[in-house]
C-alpha atoms as a PDB file:
ATOM      1  CA  UNK A   1       0.170  -0.071   0.167  1.00  0.00           C
ATOM      2  CA  UNK A   2       1.653   3.712  -0.683  1.00  0.00           C
ATOM      3  CA  UNK A   3      -0.470   5.568   1.859  1.00  0.00           C
ATOM      4  CA  UNK A   4      -1.017   3.221   4.820  1.00  0.00           C
ATOM      5  CA  UNK A   5       0.927   1.250   6.878  1.00  0.00           C
ATOM      6  CA  UNK A   6      -0.083  -1.062   9.489  1.00  0.00           C
ATOM      7  CA  UNK A   7       0.955  -3.805  11.554  1.00  0.00           C
ATOM      8  CA  UNK A   8       0.024  -6.447  14.743  1.00  0.00           C
ATOM      9  CA  UNK A   9       0.843  -5.066  18.237  1.00  0.00           C
ATOM     10  CA  UNK A  10      -0.944  -8.296  20.328  1.00  0.00           C
ATOM     11  CA  UNK A  11      -4.430  -8.157  19.006  1.00  0.00           C
ATOM     12  CA  UNK A  12      -5.038  -4.867  17.706  1.00  0.00           C
ATOM     13  CA  UNK A  13      -3.842  -3.739  13.921  1.00  0.00           C
ATOM     14  CA  UNK A  14      -2.476  -0.451  14.030  1.00  0.00           C
ATOM     15  CA  UNK A  15      -2.854   1.359  10.929  1.00  0.00           C
ATOM     16  CA  UNK A  16      -1.126   4.306   9.840  1.00  0.00           C
ATOM     17  CA  UNK A  17      -1.791   7.165   7.834  1.00  0.00           C
ATOM     18  CA  UNK A  18       1.425   7.855   5.848  1.00  0.00           C
ATOM     19  CA  UNK A  19       0.850  10.910   3.160  1.00  0.00           C
ATOM     20  CA  UNK A  20       3.301  13.981   4.340  1.00  0.00           C
ATOM     21  CA  UNK A  21       3.208  16.395   5.073  1.00  0.00           C
ATOM     22  CA  UNK A  22      -0.557  16.696   6.510  1.00  0.00           C
ATOM     23  CA  UNK A  23      -1.804  12.865   5.396  1.00  0.00           C
ATOM     24  CA  UNK A  24      -4.830  14.416   3.561  1.00  0.00           C
ATOM     25  CA  UNK A  25      -7.331  12.027   2.766  1.00  0.00           C
ATOM     26  CA  UNK A  26      -7.005  11.653  -1.269  1.00  0.00           C
ATOM     27  CA  UNK A  27      -9.552   9.361  -3.248  1.00  0.00           C
ATOM     28  CA  UNK A  28      -6.200   7.104  -3.310  1.00  0.00           C
ATOM     29  CA  UNK A  29      -5.659   6.504   0.428  1.00  0.00           C
ATOM     30  CA  UNK A  30      -9.233   6.122   0.697  1.00  0.00           C
ATOM     31  CA  UNK A  31      -9.472   3.382  -1.559  1.00  0.00           C
ATOM     32  CA  UNK A  32      -6.438   1.300   0.362  1.00  0.00           C
ATOM     33  CA  UNK A  33      -8.405   2.216   3.621  1.00  0.00           C
ATOM     34  CA  UNK A  34     -11.462   0.497   2.405  1.00  0.00           C
ATOM     35  CA  UNK A  35      -9.411  -2.130   0.877  1.00  0.00           C
ATOM     36  CA  UNK A  36      -7.499  -2.908   4.199  1.00  0.00           C
ATOM     37  CA  UNK A  37     -10.834  -3.258   6.607  1.00  0.00           C
ATOM     38  CA  UNK A  38     -11.807  -5.729   3.855  1.00  0.00           C
ATOM     39  CA  UNK A  39      -8.529  -7.572   4.640  1.00  0.00           C
ATOM     40  CA  UNK A  40      -8.763  -7.146   8.097  1.00  0.00           C
ATOM     41  CA  UNK A  41     -12.334  -8.147   9.019  1.00  0.00           C
ATOM     42  CA  UNK A  42     -11.561 -11.379   7.912  1.00  0.00           C
ATOM     43  CA  UNK A  43      -8.526 -11.802   9.706  1.00  0.00           C
ATOM     44  CA  UNK A  44      -9.315 -13.849  13.585  1.00  0.00           C
ATOM     45  CA  UNK A  45      -6.015 -12.417  15.022  1.00  0.00           C
ATOM     46  CA  UNK A  46      -7.048  -9.013  14.922  1.00  0.00           C
ATOM     47  CA  UNK A  47      -9.324  -7.925  17.439  1.00  0.00           C
ATOM     48  CA  UNK A  48      -9.078  -3.825  17.709  1.00  0.00           C
ATOM     49  CA  UNK A  49      -8.201  -1.410  15.177  1.00  0.00           C
ATOM     50  CA  UNK A  50      -6.241   1.668  16.141  1.00  0.00           C
ATOM     51  CA  UNK A  51      -5.709   4.512  13.548  1.00  0.00           C
ATOM     52  CA  UNK A  52      -3.292   7.336  13.912  1.00  0.00           C
ATOM     53  CA  UNK A  53      -1.416   9.549  11.600  1.00  0.00           C
ATOM     54  CA  UNK A  54       2.535   9.998  11.028  1.00  0.00           C
ATOM     55  CA  UNK A  55       4.257  13.236  10.862  1.00  0.00           C
ATOM     56  CA  UNK A  56       3.107  16.180  12.438  1.00  0.00           C
ATOM     57  CA  UNK A  57      -0.810  15.163  11.869  1.00  0.00           C
ATOM     58  CA  UNK A  58      -3.558  12.849  12.099  1.00  0.00           C
ATOM     59  CA  UNK A  59      -5.381  14.069   9.190  1.00  0.00           C
ATOM     60  CA  UNK A  60      -5.634  18.102   8.321  1.00  0.00           C
ATOM     61  CA  UNK A  61      -8.484  17.167   5.675  1.00  0.00           C
ATOM     62  CA  UNK A  62      -9.594  16.004   2.299  1.00  0.00           C
ATOM     63  CA  UNK A  63      -7.023  16.469  -1.213  1.00  0.00           C
ATOM     64  CA  UNK A  64      -8.098  19.483  -1.636  1.00  0.00           C
ATOM     65  CA  UNK A  65      -5.781  20.250  -4.855  1.00  0.00           C
ATOM     66  CA  UNK A  66      -7.846  17.052  -5.910  1.00  0.00           C
ATOM     67  CA  UNK A  67     -11.056  19.062  -5.517  1.00  0.00           C
ATOM     68  CA  UNK A  68      -9.954  21.302  -8.740  1.00  0.00           C
ATOM     69  CA  UNK A  69      -9.757  18.096 -11.023  1.00  0.00           C
ATOM     70  CA  UNK A  70     -13.526  17.607 -10.175  1.00  0.00           C
ATOM     71  CA  UNK A  71     -15.724  19.654 -12.748  1.00  0.00           C
ATOM     72  CA  UNK A  72     -19.548  19.386 -11.772  1.00  0.00           C
ATOM     73  CA  UNK A  73     -21.263  19.707  -8.726  1.00  0.00           C
ATOM     74  CA  UNK A  74     -23.080  15.923  -9.718  1.00  0.00           C
ATOM     75  CA  UNK A  75     -19.609  14.686  -9.368  1.00  0.00           C
ATOM     76  CA  UNK A  76     -19.008  15.958  -5.478  1.00  0.00           C
ATOM     77  CA  UNK A  77     -22.485  14.470  -5.101  1.00  0.00           C
ATOM     78  CA  UNK A  78     -20.664  11.240  -5.903  1.00  0.00           C
ATOM     79  CA  UNK A  79     -17.399  11.792  -4.205  1.00  0.00           C
ATOM     80  CA  UNK A  80     -19.193  12.377  -1.208  1.00  0.00           C
ATOM     81  CA  UNK A  81     -21.476   9.502  -1.611  1.00  0.00           C
ATOM     82  CA  UNK A  82     -18.009   6.992  -1.725  1.00  0.00           C
ATOM     83  CA  UNK A  83     -16.624   8.858   1.691  1.00  0.00           C
ATOM     84  CA  UNK A  84     -19.864   8.626   3.440  1.00  0.00           C
ATOM     85  CA  UNK A  85     -20.134   4.777   2.654  1.00  0.00           C
ATOM     86  CA  UNK A  86     -16.953   4.431   3.954  1.00  0.00           C
ATOM     87  CA  UNK A  87     -17.348   5.674   7.258  1.00  0.00           C
ATOM     88  CA  UNK A  88     -20.707   4.392   7.715  1.00  0.00           C
ATOM     89  CA  UNK A  89     -18.918   1.166   7.234  1.00  0.00           C
ATOM     90  CA  UNK A  90     -16.648   2.109   9.615  1.00  0.00           C
ATOM     91  CA  UNK A  91     -19.063   2.833  11.828  1.00  0.00           C
ATOM     92  CA  UNK A  92     -21.295  -0.446  11.498  1.00  0.00           C
ATOM     93  CA  UNK A  93     -17.601  -2.364  11.390  1.00  0.00           C
ATOM     94  CA  UNK A  94     -17.544  -5.456  13.704  1.00  0.00           C
ATOM     95  CA  UNK A  95     -14.419  -4.437  15.407  1.00  0.00           C
ATOM     96  CA  UNK A  96     -13.507  -1.788  17.403  1.00  0.00           C
ATOM     97  CA  UNK A  97     -12.118   1.154  15.699  1.00  0.00           C
ATOM     98  CA  UNK A  98      -9.746   3.663  17.718  1.00  0.00           C
ATOM     99  CA  UNK A  99      -8.890   7.347  16.377  1.00  0.00           C
ATOM    100  CA  UNK A 100      -5.482   8.233  18.369  1.00  0.00           C
ATOM    101  CA  UNK A 101      -5.377  11.558  17.442  1.00  0.00           C
ATOM    102  CA  UNK A 102      -2.567  14.287  17.727  1.00  0.00           C
ATOM    103  CA  UNK A 103      -1.538  17.308  16.052  1.00  0.00           C
ATOM    104  CA  UNK A 104      -5.067  18.183  14.133  1.00  0.00           C
ATOM    105  CA  UNK A 105      -8.106  16.319  12.560  1.00  0.00           C
ATOM    106  CA  UNK A 106      -9.272  18.607  10.455  1.00  0.00           C
ATOM    107  CA  UNK A 107     -12.361  18.385   7.753  1.00  0.00           C
ATOM    108  CA  UNK A 108     -12.742  15.262   6.294  1.00  0.00           C
ATOM    109  CA  UNK A 109      -9.634  14.469   9.059  1.00  0.00           C
ATOM    110  CA  UNK A 110     -12.371  14.950  11.743  1.00  0.00           C
ATOM    111  CA  UNK A 111     -14.805  12.766   9.500  1.00  0.00           C
ATOM    112  CA  UNK A 112     -12.757   9.865   9.720  1.00  0.00           C
ATOM    113  CA  UNK A 113     -11.767  10.285  13.404  1.00  0.00           C
ATOM    114  CA  UNK A 114     -15.965  10.404  13.787  1.00  0.00           C
ATOM    115  CA  UNK A 115     -16.727   7.600  12.172  1.00  0.00           C
ATOM    116  CA  UNK A 116     -14.396   5.335  14.619  1.00  0.00           C
ATOM    117  CA  UNK A 117     -15.697   4.183  17.615  1.00  0.00           C
ATOM    118  CA  UNK A 118     -13.592   6.116  20.195  1.00  0.00           C
ATOM    119  CA  UNK A 119     -11.751   8.985  19.835  1.00  0.00           C
ATOM    120  CA  UNK A 120      -8.638   9.539  21.773  1.00  0.00           C
ATOM    121  CA  UNK A 121      -6.847  13.040  21.693  1.00  0.00           C
ATOM    122  CA  UNK A 122      -3.673  14.873  22.320  1.00  0.00           C
ATOM    123  CA  UNK A 123      -4.073  17.529  24.704  1.00  0.00           C
ATOM    124  CA  UNK A 124      -2.970  19.864  22.012  1.00  0.00           C
ATOM    125  CA  UNK A 125      -4.113  17.990  19.305  1.00  0.00           C
ATOM    126  CA  UNK A 126      -7.061  20.881  17.133  1.00  0.00           C
ATOM    127  CA  UNK A 127     -10.488  19.527  15.666  1.00  0.00           C
ATOM    128  CA  UNK A 128     -12.548  21.507  13.930  1.00  0.00           C
ATOM    129  CA  UNK A 129     -14.646  21.308  10.238  1.00  0.00           C
ATOM    130  CA  UNK A 130     -13.191  24.528   8.468  1.00  0.00           C
ATOM    131  CA  UNK A 131     -14.958  23.882   5.167  1.00  0.00           C
ATOM    132  CA  UNK A 132     -16.943  26.905   5.456  1.00  0.00           C
ATOM    133  CA  UNK A 133     -13.429  28.637   5.295  1.00  0.00           C
ATOM    134  CA  UNK A 134     -12.542  27.579   1.931  1.00  0.00           C
ATOM    135  CA  UNK A 135     -16.595  28.365   0.321  1.00  0.00           C
ATOM    136  CA  UNK A 136     -17.821  25.057   0.794  1.00  0.00           C
ATOM    137  CA  UNK A 137     -19.565  22.194   3.600  1.00  0.00           C
ATOM    138  CA  UNK A 138     -18.491  19.300   5.163  1.00  0.00           C
ATOM    139  CA  UNK A 139     -19.415  16.146   2.809  1.00  0.00           C
ATOM    140  CA  UNK A 140     -18.269  13.072   4.770  1.00  0.00           C
ATOM    141  CA  UNK A 141     -21.729  12.866   7.141  1.00  0.00           C
ATOM    142  CA  UNK A 142     -19.656  15.666   9.238  1.00  0.00           C
ATOM    143  CA  UNK A 143     -22.979  18.131   9.793  1.00  0.00           C
ATOM    144  CA  UNK A 144     -24.336  15.149  10.886  1.00  0.00           C
ATOM    145  CA  UNK A 145     -22.393  13.359  13.266  1.00  0.00           C
ATOM    146  CA  UNK A 146     -20.949  17.004  15.079  1.00  0.00           C
ATOM    147  CA  UNK A 147     -24.016  17.711  16.434  1.00  0.00           C
ATOM    148  CA  UNK A 148     -24.643  13.893  17.613  1.00  0.00           C
ATOM    149  CA  UNK A 149     -21.337  14.469  19.636  1.00  0.00           C
ATOM    150  CA  UNK A 150     -21.140  17.964  20.901  1.00  0.00           C
ATOM    151  CA  UNK A 151     -24.634  19.140  20.277  1.00  0.00           C
ATOM    152  CA  UNK A 152     -26.459  21.429  17.594  1.00  0.00           C
ATOM    153  CA  UNK A 153     -25.374  24.394  18.996  1.00  0.00           C
ATOM    154  CA  UNK A 154     -21.282  23.598  19.623  1.00  0.00           C
ATOM    155  CA  UNK A 155     -21.552  22.341  16.352  1.00  0.00           C
ATOM    156  CA  UNK A 156     -22.829  24.996  14.590  1.00  0.00           C
ATOM    157  CA  UNK A 157     -20.058  27.312  16.257  1.00  0.00           C
ATOM    158  CA  UNK A 158     -17.555  25.469  15.171  1.00  0.00           C
ATOM    159  CA  UNK A 159     -18.858  24.995  11.507  1.00  0.00           C
ATOM    160  CA  UNK A 160     -19.876  28.280  11.145  1.00  0.00           C
ATOM    161  CA  UNK A 161     -16.582  30.151  12.412  1.00  0.00           C
ATOM    162  CA  UNK A 162     -14.747  27.410  11.229  1.00  0.00           C
ATOM    163  CA  UNK A 163     -12.601  27.343  14.205  1.00  0.00           C
ATOM    164  CA  UNK A 164     -11.278  24.042  15.592  1.00  0.00           C
ATOM    165  CA  UNK A 165     -11.090  23.047  19.522  1.00  0.00           C
ATOM    166  CA  UNK A 166      -8.421  21.781  21.108  1.00  0.00           C
ATOM    167  CA  UNK A 167      -8.025  18.169  22.529  1.00  0.00           C
ATOM    168  CA  UNK A 168      -9.098  18.844  25.733  1.00  0.00           C
ATOM    169  CA  UNK A 169     -12.136  20.857  24.662  1.00  0.00           C
ATOM    170  CA  UNK A 170     -12.767  17.931  22.703  1.00  0.00           C
ATOM    171  CA  UNK A 171     -13.183  15.730  25.884  1.00  0.00           C
ATOM    172  CA  UNK A 172     -15.224  18.399  27.610  1.00  0.00           C
ATOM    173  CA  UNK A 173     -17.836  18.262  24.402  1.00  0.00           C
ATOM    174  CA  UNK A 174     -17.700  14.880  24.492  1.00  0.00           C
ATOM    175  CA  UNK A 175     -16.215  14.389  20.902  1.00  0.00           C
ATOM    176  CA  UNK A 176     -13.356  12.150  22.647  1.00  0.00           C
ATOM    177  CA  UNK A 177     -13.063   9.916  25.351  1.00  0.00           C
ATOM    178  CA  UNK A 178     -10.121  10.735  26.569  1.00  0.00           C
ATOM    179  CA  UNK A 179      -7.043  13.467  26.278  1.00  0.00           C
ATOM    180  CA  UNK A 180      -3.436  13.356  27.159  1.00  0.00           C
ATOM    181  CA  UNK A 181      -0.102  14.670  26.598  1.00  0.00           C
ATOM    182  CA  UNK A 182       1.043  14.194  22.823  1.00  0.00           C
ATOM    183  CA  UNK A 183       4.397  12.128  23.832  1.00  0.00           C
ATOM    184  CA  UNK A 184       1.906   9.569  26.215  1.00  0.00           C
ATOM    185  CA  UNK A 185      -0.929   9.576  23.438  1.00  0.00           C
ATOM    186  CA  UNK A 186      -0.159   6.111  21.709  1.00  0.00           C
ATOM    187  CA  UNK A 187       0.651   3.931  24.722  1.00  0.00           C
ATOM    188  CA  UNK A 188      -2.452   5.034  26.170  1.00  0.00           C
ATOM    189  CA  UNK A 189      -4.173   4.428  23.325  1.00  0.00           C
ATOM    190  CA  UNK A 190      -2.323   0.843  22.974  1.00  0.00           C
ATOM    191  CA  UNK A 191      -3.563  -0.060  27.066  1.00  0.00           C
ATOM    192  CA  UNK A 192      -6.866   0.947  26.009  1.00  0.00           C
ATOM    193  CA  UNK A 193      -7.009  -1.151  22.804  1.00  0.00           C
ATOM    194  CA  UNK A 194      -5.373  -3.720  25.032  1.00  0.00           C
ATOM    195  CA  UNK A 195      -8.149  -3.805  27.740  1.00  0.00           C
ATOM    196  CA  UNK A 196     -10.054  -4.135  24.825  1.00  0.00           C
ATOM    197  CA  UNK A 197      -8.941  -7.166  22.493  1.00  0.00           C
ATOM    198  CA  UNK A 198      -9.103  -8.934  26.169  1.00  0.00           C
ATOM    199  CA  UNK A 199     -12.486  -9.073  25.439  1.00  0.00           C
ATOM    200  CA  UNK A 200     -15.273 -12.027  24.130  1.00  0.00           C
ATOM    201  CA  UNK A 201     -15.238 -11.321  20.473  1.00  0.00           C
ATOM    202  CA  UNK A 202     -18.611 -11.948  20.937  1.00  0.00           C
ATOM    203  CA  UNK A 203     -20.240  -9.816  23.357  1.00  0.00           C
ATOM    204  CA  UNK A 204     -17.436  -6.924  21.287  1.00  0.00           C
ATOM    205  CA  UNK A 205     -19.890  -7.577  18.291  1.00  0.00           C
ATOM    206  CA  UNK A 206     -23.107  -7.544  20.030  1.00  0.00           C
ATOM    207  CA  UNK A 207     -22.220  -3.973  21.639  1.00  0.00           C
ATOM    208  CA  UNK A 208     -21.099  -2.259  18.574  1.00  0.00           C
ATOM    209  CA  UNK A 209     -24.402  -3.690  16.395  1.00  0.00           C
ATOM    210  CA  UNK A 210     -26.236  -2.592  19.080  1.00  0.00           C
ATOM    211  CA  UNK A 211     -24.778   0.996  19.485  1.00  0.00           C
ATOM    212  CA  UNK A 212     -26.104   1.651  15.570  1.00  0.00           C
ATOM    213  CA  UNK A 213     -29.461   1.048  17.133  1.00  0.00           C
ATOM    214  CA  UNK A 214     -29.138   4.677  18.341  1.00  0.00           C
ATOM    215  CA  UNK A 215     -29.141   6.273  14.829  1.00  0.00           C
ATOM    216  CA  UNK A 216     -32.397   7.687  13.941  1.00  0.00           C
ATOM    217  CA  UNK A 217     -34.079   7.883  10.246  1.00  0.00           C
ATOM    218  CA  UNK A 218     -33.327  11.922  10.094  1.00  0.00           C
ATOM    219  CA  UNK A 219     -29.807  10.978  10.491  1.00  0.00           C
ATOM    220  CA  UNK A 220     -29.751   9.180   7.132  1.00  0.00           C
ATOM    221  CA  UNK A 221     -32.004  12.094   5.681  1.00  0.00           C
ATOM    222  CA  UNK A 222     -29.359  14.089   6.389  1.00  0.00           C
ATOM    223  CA  UNK A 223     -26.383  12.310   5.327  1.00  0.00           C
ATOM    224  CA  UNK A 224     -28.077  11.832   1.923  1.00  0.00           C
ATOM    225  CA  UNK A 225     -29.520  16.154   1.952  1.00  0.00           C
ATOM    226  CA  UNK A 226     -25.643  16.625   2.802  1.00  0.00           C
ATOM    227  CA  UNK A 227     -24.327  15.020  -0.449  1.00  0.00           C
ATOM    228  CA  UNK A 228     -26.702  16.529  -2.620  1.00  0.00           C
ATOM    229  CA  UNK A 229     -25.628  20.295  -1.227  1.00  0.00           C
ATOM    230  CA  UNK A 230     -22.050  19.648  -1.082  1.00  0.00           C
ATOM    231  CA  UNK A 231     -22.388  19.291  -5.104  1.00  0.00           C
ATOM    232  CA  UNK A 232     -24.444  22.121  -5.080  1.00  0.00           C
ATOM    233  CA  UNK A 233     -22.124  24.286  -2.887  1.00  0.00           C
ATOM    234  CA  UNK A 234     -19.170  23.582  -5.355  1.00  0.00           C
ATOM    235  CA  UNK A 235     -21.176  24.515  -8.413  1.00  0.00           C
ATOM    236  CA  UNK A 236     -20.811  27.984  -7.049  1.00  0.00           C
ATOM    237  CA  UNK A 237     -18.099  30.800  -7.698  1.00  0.00           C
ATOM    238  CA  UNK A 238     -17.203  31.388  -3.955  1.00  0.00           C
ATOM    239  CA  UNK A 239     -16.432  27.618  -3.749  1.00  0.00           C
ATOM    240  CA  UNK A 240     -13.798  27.857  -6.877  1.00  0.00           C
ATOM    241  CA  UNK A 241     -12.238  31.345  -5.126  1.00  0.00           C
ATOM    242  CA  UNK A 242     -12.063  29.213  -1.773  1.00  0.00           C
ATOM    243  CA  UNK A 243     -10.246  26.460  -3.329  1.00  0.00           C
ATOM    244  CA  UNK A 244      -8.245  28.392  -5.190  1.00  0.00           C
ATOM    245  CA  UNK A 245      -7.226  30.990  -2.096  1.00  0.00           C
ATOM    246  CA  UNK A 246      -6.196  27.454  -0.155  1.00  0.00           C
ATOM    247  CA  UNK A 247      -4.263  26.790  -2.937  1.00  0.00           C
ATOM    248  CA  UNK A 248      -2.710  30.114  -3.139  1.00  0.00           C
ATOM    249  CA  UNK A 249      -1.996  30.236   0.548  1.00  0.00           C
ATOM    250  CA  UNK A 250      -4.601  33.713   0.488  1.00  0.00           C
ATOM    251  CA  UNK A 251      -7.957  34.919   2.408  1.00  0.00           C
ATOM    252  CA  UNK A 252     -10.338  34.091   0.018  1.00  0.00           C
ATOM    253  CA  UNK A 253     -12.780  37.279  -1.078  1.00  0.00           C
ATOM    254  CA  UNK A 254     -16.636  35.424  -1.368  1.00  0.00           C
ATOM    255  CA  UNK A 255     -18.933  37.410  -3.388  1.00  0.00           C
ATOM    256  CA  UNK A 256     -22.070  35.358  -2.386  1.00  0.00           C
ATOM    257  CA  UNK A 257     -22.312  33.929  -6.214  1.00  0.00           C
END
């Protein structure tokens, strides 16, 4: 695999995103992740999965440069749908997936982390959905999952201002289970994984399956609508300006068109 590495630690598969410098979520990386999930689900020696990022970040978001290669809103609807289906599959996965987050989990990176069953963060990590800064919106079910954890008001604030919260704040707002200093984050994550891996696989699968019943029909309706609006927003001139400004490392100038 080009963008993912994994190794077995006891009965935990440690998956590392390895796409420097920011572990941006390209289509190729997501395809690799889907294939690896297929492989690990069949592997009876694997009881738990830990997802982490190499380098300075967990993942700073989607590959924005890749967005410039998509020409129409309808293509963006399909793009959003593919990401949504993968992240839904992760949330319904038969083995626990723990996100070990350091540095930053932004945009698609946070959407990926929210699809994991448990999030462990470094105290100073930054978590947020800053897509409106680019004139676009979250497209991988972020608008639906974030309020589920932090509540509607806090989710609205985070998305509408594009301002992230720290790892310590993420625990306070119940977006993460625990936070640790960055230097001990991975060791503490593995301690948690090893506690879980000693449990009965049948009971683990039963709990994970039952957790999915906490979703409502409105959640899925919202996810479908998010993909539709994801495409519509990308057809605006403001979206093109926001993406170009990001690539050029300047502030965007939105005109409302």
